[in-house]
Each structure stands twice: as C-alpha cells, then as structure tokens.
Amino acid sequence: MSARRREPERLEEFVFESTTMVLAAGLEMTKHSITSAPGEFVREKGPLGIGSTWRCQVFEELVGRINAKEMGALALGAGLDPKALPDRVPCTVTYSNAGGFPSCTVQLAVDGNAAN
C-alpha cells in the first residue's frame, strides 16, 4: 500500500483581526487617507538561529506575526518557493473596519508589485 503525500496548504491571503497592532496600523493608514498600502514581512530568527517567525509591518507599524508554516502557505498561494524566500518579502496590507471589527488582510506582492 502506498502512502499518500498530503498537498501543502496554500493561502491567498492572511487576516489579522481586532488587535491593538491592527488598530495602530489602521490608524496610520487612515492618516494617509488610504485603506491599502505596501508593507513587508520581515523574518525574525529564533533563539540561537533556530526557527523563525515573520513580522508583518506597514508604515513601520507592526500589524502582527505569523509562524513559518503560515508564511510557507502564503508563499505557495502566491506561487513562490517557501524555501527560497528572502528575509524581507513585500506584501499588500488592506485595512477594514467593517461592522466595527477591525482587520488587516495581507497578500504577498508577487514580483514586488505591492499596492501604492
């Protein structure tokens, strides 16, 4: 009997919801009268260089953090190789306050095409 290999998860976008960081990022975008802006994910190495998390930021405001598995799923969803990601990856951050629930939706910018 052959073992089935599970297809890796692919995410087109990641949503950060209702945190102080999301509110700060949304406030910064509101100051610029926009709801979508270029941002970036920055790799944060773990203790002794083991493991990593990814920090998402826009206008130098922290939006949130995701783990390496979530970043890998985002990379696959954008058609990128998760193992070949640089330490800084451009993204597009879109702020929403629909229904009084603030959120930031993030998509990786393929070929560096972040929203302006």
N, C-alpha and C. Protein backbone atom coordinates (compact mmCIF):
# COMPACT_ATOMS: atom_id res chain seq x y z
N MET A 1 0.84 -1.18 0.00
CA MET A 1 0.00 0.00 0.00
C MET A 1 0.89 1.24 0.00
N SER A 2 0.62 2.15 -0.90
CA SER A 2 1.45 3.35 -0.99
C SER A 2 0.92 4.45 -0.07
N ALA A 3 1.83 5.19 0.45
CA ALA A 3 1.45 6.31 1.33
C ALA A 3 1.09 7.51 0.45
N ARG A 4 0.03 8.19 0.81
CA ARG A 4 -0.36 9.40 0.08
C ARG A 4 0.37 10.59 0.67
N ARG A 5 0.85 11.38 -0.21
CA ARG A 5 1.52 12.59 0.22
C ARG A 5 0.51 13.72 0.28
N ARG A 6 0.44 14.39 1.39
CA ARG A 6 -0.54 15.45 1.58
C ARG A 6 -0.09 16.72 0.86
N GLU A 7 -1.00 17.33 0.14
CA GLU A 7 -0.73 18.59 -0.56
C GLU A 7 -0.50 19.68 0.48
N PRO A 8 0.59 20.46 0.34
CA PRO A 8 0.80 21.55 1.31
C PRO A 8 -0.31 22.59 1.21
N GLU A 9 -0.62 23.19 2.35
CA GLU A 9 -1.65 24.22 2.38
C GLU A 9 -1.21 25.45 1.61
N ARG A 10 -2.15 26.06 0.90
CA ARG A 10 -1.89 27.29 0.15
C ARG A 10 -2.87 28.36 0.64
N LEU A 11 -2.35 29.52 0.96
CA LEU A 11 -3.19 30.64 1.37
C LEU A 11 -3.00 31.79 0.40
N GLU A 12 -4.09 32.35 -0.07
CA GLU A 12 -4.01 33.53 -0.94
C GLU A 12 -3.78 34.79 -0.11
N GLU A 13 -4.30 34.78 1.12
CA GLU A 13 -4.19 35.94 1.99
C GLU A 13 -4.23 35.48 3.44
N PHE A 14 -3.79 36.37 4.32
CA PHE A 14 -3.84 36.11 5.76
C PHE A 14 -4.52 37.30 6.41
N VAL A 15 -5.39 37.04 7.38
CA VAL A 15 -6.14 38.13 8.02
C VAL A 15 -5.73 38.24 9.49
N PHE A 16 -5.29 39.43 9.86
CA PHE A 16 -5.03 39.76 11.27
C PHE A 16 -6.26 40.49 11.76
N GLU A 17 -6.83 40.07 12.89
CA GLU A 17 -8.09 40.64 13.35
C GLU A 17 -7.99 41.26 14.73
N SER A 18 -8.70 42.38 14.88
CA SER A 18 -9.04 43.02 16.16
C SER A 18 -7.96 42.98 17.24
N THR A 19 -6.77 43.42 16.91
CA THR A 19 -5.73 43.55 17.93
C THR A 19 -5.29 45.00 18.00
N THR A 20 -4.59 45.34 19.05
CA THR A 20 -4.06 46.69 19.19
C THR A 20 -3.14 47.03 18.01
N MET A 21 -2.38 46.03 17.56
CA MET A 21 -1.47 46.26 16.43
C MET A 21 -2.24 46.57 15.15
N VAL A 22 -3.35 45.86 14.91
CA VAL A 22 -4.18 46.12 13.74
C VAL A 22 -4.75 47.52 13.81
N LEU A 23 -5.21 47.92 14.98
CA LEU A 23 -5.76 49.27 15.14
C LEU A 23 -4.71 50.34 14.87
N ALA A 24 -3.49 50.13 15.35
CA ALA A 24 -2.41 51.09 15.12
C ALA A 24 -2.08 51.18 13.63
N ALA A 25 -2.01 50.05 12.95
CA ALA A 25 -1.74 50.05 11.50
C ALA A 25 -2.88 50.73 10.75
N GLY A 26 -4.12 50.43 11.15
CA GLY A 26 -5.27 51.07 10.51
C GLY A 26 -5.29 52.56 10.73
N LEU A 27 -4.93 53.01 11.92
CA LEU A 27 -4.88 54.43 12.22
C LEU A 27 -3.82 55.12 11.35
N GLU A 28 -2.68 54.46 11.18
CA GLU A 28 -1.62 55.03 10.35
C GLU A 28 -2.08 55.13 8.89
N MET A 29 -2.79 54.13 8.39
CA MET A 29 -3.31 54.20 7.01
C MET A 29 -4.37 55.28 6.89
N THR A 30 -5.21 55.41 7.93
CA THR A 30 -6.24 56.45 7.91
C THR A 30 -5.61 57.84 7.85
N LYS A 31 -4.49 58.04 8.53
CA LYS A 31 -3.77 59.32 8.47
C LYS A 31 -3.37 59.66 7.04
N HIS A 32 -3.08 58.62 6.25
CA HIS A 32 -2.68 58.81 4.86
C HIS A 32 -3.87 58.74 3.90
N SER A 33 -5.09 58.65 4.46
CA SER A 33 -6.33 58.57 3.68
C SER A 33 -6.34 57.42 2.68
N ILE A 34 -5.83 56.27 3.10
CA ILE A 34 -5.84 55.08 2.25
C ILE A 34 -6.31 53.88 3.06
N THR A 35 -6.76 52.85 2.37
CA THR A 35 -7.13 51.61 3.05
C THR A 35 -6.21 50.46 2.64
N SER A 36 -5.35 50.69 1.66
CA SER A 36 -4.43 49.67 1.21
C SER A 36 -3.06 50.30 0.99
N ALA A 37 -2.02 49.60 1.43
CA ALA A 37 -0.67 50.15 1.33
C ALA A 37 0.36 49.04 1.20
N PRO A 38 1.52 49.36 0.62
CA PRO A 38 2.58 48.37 0.58
C PRO A 38 3.16 48.17 1.98
N GLY A 39 3.44 46.94 2.30
CA GLY A 39 4.06 46.60 3.57
C GLY A 39 5.13 45.57 3.32
N GLU A 40 5.54 44.90 4.38
CA GLU A 40 6.51 43.84 4.20
C GLU A 40 6.47 42.87 5.37
N PHE A 41 6.86 41.65 5.06
CA PHE A 41 7.10 40.64 6.09
C PHE A 41 8.60 40.60 6.31
N VAL A 42 9.02 40.60 7.57
CA VAL A 42 10.44 40.53 7.92
C VAL A 42 10.65 39.29 8.77
N ARG A 43 11.62 38.46 8.35
CA ARG A 43 11.91 37.23 9.09
C ARG A 43 12.58 37.58 10.41
N GLU A 44 12.10 36.98 11.49
CA GLU A 44 12.71 37.13 12.81
C GLU A 44 13.25 35.77 13.22
N LYS A 45 14.55 35.66 13.35
CA LYS A 45 15.18 34.39 13.73
C LYS A 45 14.92 34.10 15.20
N GLY A 46 14.76 32.83 15.50
CA GLY A 46 14.55 32.40 16.87
C GLY A 46 15.85 32.39 17.66
N PRO A 47 15.78 32.02 18.94
CA PRO A 47 16.99 31.94 19.77
C PRO A 47 18.02 30.99 19.15
N LEU A 48 19.25 31.41 19.15
CA LEU A 48 20.36 30.63 18.59
C LEU A 48 20.17 30.34 17.10
N GLY A 49 19.35 31.14 16.42
CA GLY A 49 19.13 30.97 15.00
C GLY A 49 18.22 29.80 14.64
N ILE A 50 17.55 29.23 15.64
CA ILE A 50 16.68 28.08 15.41
C ILE A 50 15.25 28.55 15.26
N GLY A 51 14.62 28.16 14.16
CA GLY A 51 13.23 28.55 13.92
C GLY A 51 13.11 30.02 13.54
N SER A 52 11.93 30.40 13.11
CA SER A 52 11.71 31.80 12.78
C SER A 52 10.22 32.11 12.78
N THR A 53 9.93 33.39 12.95
CA THR A 53 8.58 33.91 12.77
C THR A 53 8.70 35.03 11.76
N TRP A 54 7.57 35.48 11.28
CA TRP A 54 7.55 36.58 10.31
C TRP A 54 6.73 37.73 10.86
N ARG A 55 7.32 38.92 10.90
CA ARG A 55 6.67 40.14 11.37
C ARG A 55 6.12 40.89 10.17
N CYS A 56 4.83 41.19 10.18
CA CYS A 56 4.22 41.98 9.11
C CYS A 56 4.13 43.42 9.57
N GLN A 57 4.57 44.34 8.72
CA GLN A 57 4.53 45.75 9.10
C GLN A 57 4.13 46.61 7.91
N VAL A 58 3.50 47.75 8.23
CA VAL A 58 3.12 48.75 7.24
C VAL A 58 3.37 50.10 7.88
N PHE A 59 3.99 51.01 7.15
CA PHE A 59 4.37 52.33 7.70
C PHE A 59 5.13 52.17 9.02
N GLU A 60 5.97 51.15 9.09
CA GLU A 60 6.77 50.83 10.27
C GLU A 60 5.93 50.49 11.50
N GLU A 61 4.64 50.25 11.30
CA GLU A 61 3.75 49.80 12.38
C GLU A 61 3.61 48.28 12.28
N LEU A 62 3.75 47.60 13.39
CA LEU A 62 3.57 46.15 13.42
C LEU A 62 2.09 45.82 13.25
N VAL A 63 1.79 44.96 12.27
CA VAL A 63 0.43 44.50 12.05
C VAL A 63 0.20 43.20 12.81
N GLY A 64 1.20 42.34 12.81
CA GLY A 64 1.10 41.06 13.50
C GLY A 64 2.25 40.15 13.11
N ARG A 65 2.25 38.95 13.68
CA ARG A 65 3.28 37.96 13.39
C ARG A 65 2.63 36.66 12.96
N ILE A 66 3.30 35.93 12.07
CA ILE A 66 2.85 34.61 11.68
C ILE A 66 4.02 33.64 11.80
N ASN A 67 3.72 32.36 11.89
CA ASN A 67 4.78 31.37 12.02
C ASN A 67 5.28 30.95 10.63
N ALA A 68 6.34 30.16 10.61
CA ALA A 68 6.98 29.76 9.35
C ALA A 68 6.03 28.92 8.48
N LYS A 69 5.19 28.10 9.10
CA LYS A 69 4.25 27.29 8.33
C LYS A 69 3.22 28.17 7.62
N GLU A 70 2.69 29.17 8.33
CA GLU A 70 1.72 30.10 7.72
C GLU A 70 2.37 30.89 6.59
N MET A 71 3.63 31.30 6.78
CA MET A 71 4.33 32.03 5.73
C MET A 71 4.56 31.13 4.52
N GLY A 72 4.87 29.86 4.77
CA GLY A 72 5.04 28.91 3.68
C GLY A 72 3.77 28.75 2.87
N ALA A 73 2.62 28.70 3.55
CA ALA A 73 1.33 28.59 2.87
C ALA A 73 1.04 29.84 2.04
N LEU A 74 1.38 31.02 2.58
CA LEU A 74 1.21 32.26 1.82
C LEU A 74 2.10 32.27 0.58
N ALA A 75 3.34 31.82 0.75
CA ALA A 75 4.28 31.78 -0.39
C ALA A 75 3.74 30.85 -1.47
N LEU A 76 3.26 29.67 -1.10
CA LEU A 76 2.70 28.74 -2.08
C LEU A 76 1.50 29.34 -2.78
N GLY A 77 0.64 30.04 -2.02
CA GLY A 77 -0.54 30.68 -2.61
C GLY A 77 -0.19 31.77 -3.60
N ALA A 78 0.99 32.37 -3.43
CA ALA A 78 1.45 33.43 -4.33
C ALA A 78 2.34 32.87 -5.45
N GLY A 79 2.50 31.55 -5.46
CA GLY A 79 3.32 30.93 -6.49
C GLY A 79 4.82 31.06 -6.24
N LEU A 80 5.21 31.25 -4.97
CA LEU A 80 6.61 31.39 -4.62
C LEU A 80 7.11 30.11 -3.93
N ASP A 81 8.42 29.91 -3.94
CA ASP A 81 9.03 28.77 -3.26
C ASP A 81 9.27 29.15 -1.80
N PRO A 82 8.57 28.51 -0.86
CA PRO A 82 8.73 28.89 0.56
C PRO A 82 10.15 28.74 1.08
N LYS A 83 10.92 27.83 0.50
CA LYS A 83 12.29 27.60 0.96
C LYS A 83 13.28 28.63 0.41
N ALA A 84 12.85 29.41 -0.57
CA ALA A 84 13.74 30.38 -1.20
C ALA A 84 13.37 31.83 -0.89
N LEU A 85 12.58 32.05 0.16
CA LEU A 85 12.16 33.41 0.49
C LEU A 85 13.31 34.20 1.09
N PRO A 86 13.46 35.46 0.67
CA PRO A 86 14.46 36.32 1.31
C PRO A 86 13.99 36.70 2.72
N ASP A 87 14.83 37.40 3.47
CA ASP A 87 14.46 37.80 4.83
C ASP A 87 13.43 38.93 4.87
N ARG A 88 13.21 39.60 3.74
CA ARG A 88 12.19 40.65 3.63
C ARG A 88 11.36 40.36 2.39
N VAL A 89 10.04 40.26 2.58
CA VAL A 89 9.14 39.93 1.48
C VAL A 89 8.07 41.01 1.40
N PRO A 90 7.95 41.69 0.24
CA PRO A 90 6.92 42.73 0.11
C PRO A 90 5.51 42.14 0.12
N CYS A 91 4.58 42.93 0.63
CA CYS A 91 3.19 42.49 0.67
C CYS A 91 2.28 43.71 0.52
N THR A 92 1.00 43.44 0.37
CA THR A 92 -0.01 44.48 0.34
C THR A 92 -0.89 44.30 1.56
N VAL A 93 -1.08 45.37 2.32
CA VAL A 93 -1.89 45.33 3.54
C VAL A 93 -3.15 46.15 3.29
N THR A 94 -4.31 45.55 3.51
CA THR A 94 -5.59 46.24 3.31
C THR A 94 -6.32 46.28 4.65
N TYR A 95 -6.66 47.48 5.09
CA TYR A 95 -7.34 47.67 6.38
C TYR A 95 -8.84 47.76 6.16
N SER A 96 -9.60 47.14 7.06
CA SER A 96 -11.06 47.22 7.02
C SER A 96 -11.58 47.34 8.45
N ASN A 97 -12.67 48.07 8.59
CA ASN A 97 -13.34 48.18 9.89
C ASN A 97 -14.82 47.86 9.70
N ALA A 98 -15.11 46.91 8.82
CA ALA A 98 -16.48 46.55 8.50
C ALA A 98 -17.19 46.00 9.74
N GLY A 99 -18.34 46.54 10.03
CA GLY A 99 -19.13 46.08 11.16
C GLY A 99 -18.49 46.35 12.50
N GLY A 100 -17.52 47.26 12.54
CA GLY A 100 -16.86 47.59 13.80
C GLY A 100 -15.80 46.56 14.21
N PHE A 101 -15.43 45.67 13.31
CA PHE A 101 -14.40 44.66 13.59
C PHE A 101 -13.17 44.95 12.74
N PRO A 102 -12.18 45.63 13.30
CA PRO A 102 -11.00 45.99 12.52
C PRO A 102 -10.18 44.77 12.12
N SER A 103 -9.70 44.80 10.88
CA SER A 103 -8.84 43.71 10.41
C SER A 103 -7.90 44.23 9.34
N CYS A 104 -6.80 43.54 9.18
CA CYS A 104 -5.85 43.81 8.10
C CYS A 104 -5.68 42.52 7.31
N THR A 105 -5.98 42.58 6.03
CA THR A 105 -5.80 41.44 5.14
C THR A 105 -4.50 41.64 4.40
N VAL A 106 -3.67 40.61 4.39
CA VAL A 106 -2.33 40.72 3.81
C VAL A 106 -2.15 39.71 2.70
N GLN A 107 -1.62 40.17 1.57
CA GLN A 107 -1.28 39.30 0.44
C GLN A 107 0.17 39.57 0.08
N LEU A 108 0.90 38.52 -0.27
CA LEU A 108 2.27 38.71 -0.72
C LEU A 108 2.25 39.40 -2.08
N ALA A 109 3.20 40.30 -2.28
CA ALA A 109 3.32 41.01 -3.56
C ALA A 109 4.25 40.19 -4.45
N VAL A 110 3.68 39.62 -5.50
CA VAL A 110 4.47 38.82 -6.42
C VAL A 110 5.24 39.75 -7.35
N ASP A 111 6.53 39.46 -7.54
CA ASP A 111 7.42 40.30 -8.36
C ASP A 111 7.54 41.70 -7.81
N GLY A 112 7.32 41.88 -6.51
CA GLY A 112 7.50 43.18 -5.87
C GLY A 112 6.40 44.17 -6.18
N ASN A 113 5.26 43.72 -6.71
CA ASN A 113 4.18 44.62 -7.05
C ASN A 113 3.26 44.87 -5.87
N ALA A 114 3.73 45.63 -4.91
CA ALA A 114 2.89 45.99 -3.77
C ALA A 114 2.00 47.16 -4.17
N ALA A 115 0.87 47.29 -3.50
CA ALA A 115 -0.05 48.40 -3.80
C ALA A 115 0.61 49.73 -3.48
N ASN A 116 0.26 50.73 -4.23
CA ASN A 116 0.82 52.07 -3.97
C ASN A 116 -0.21 52.96 -3.35
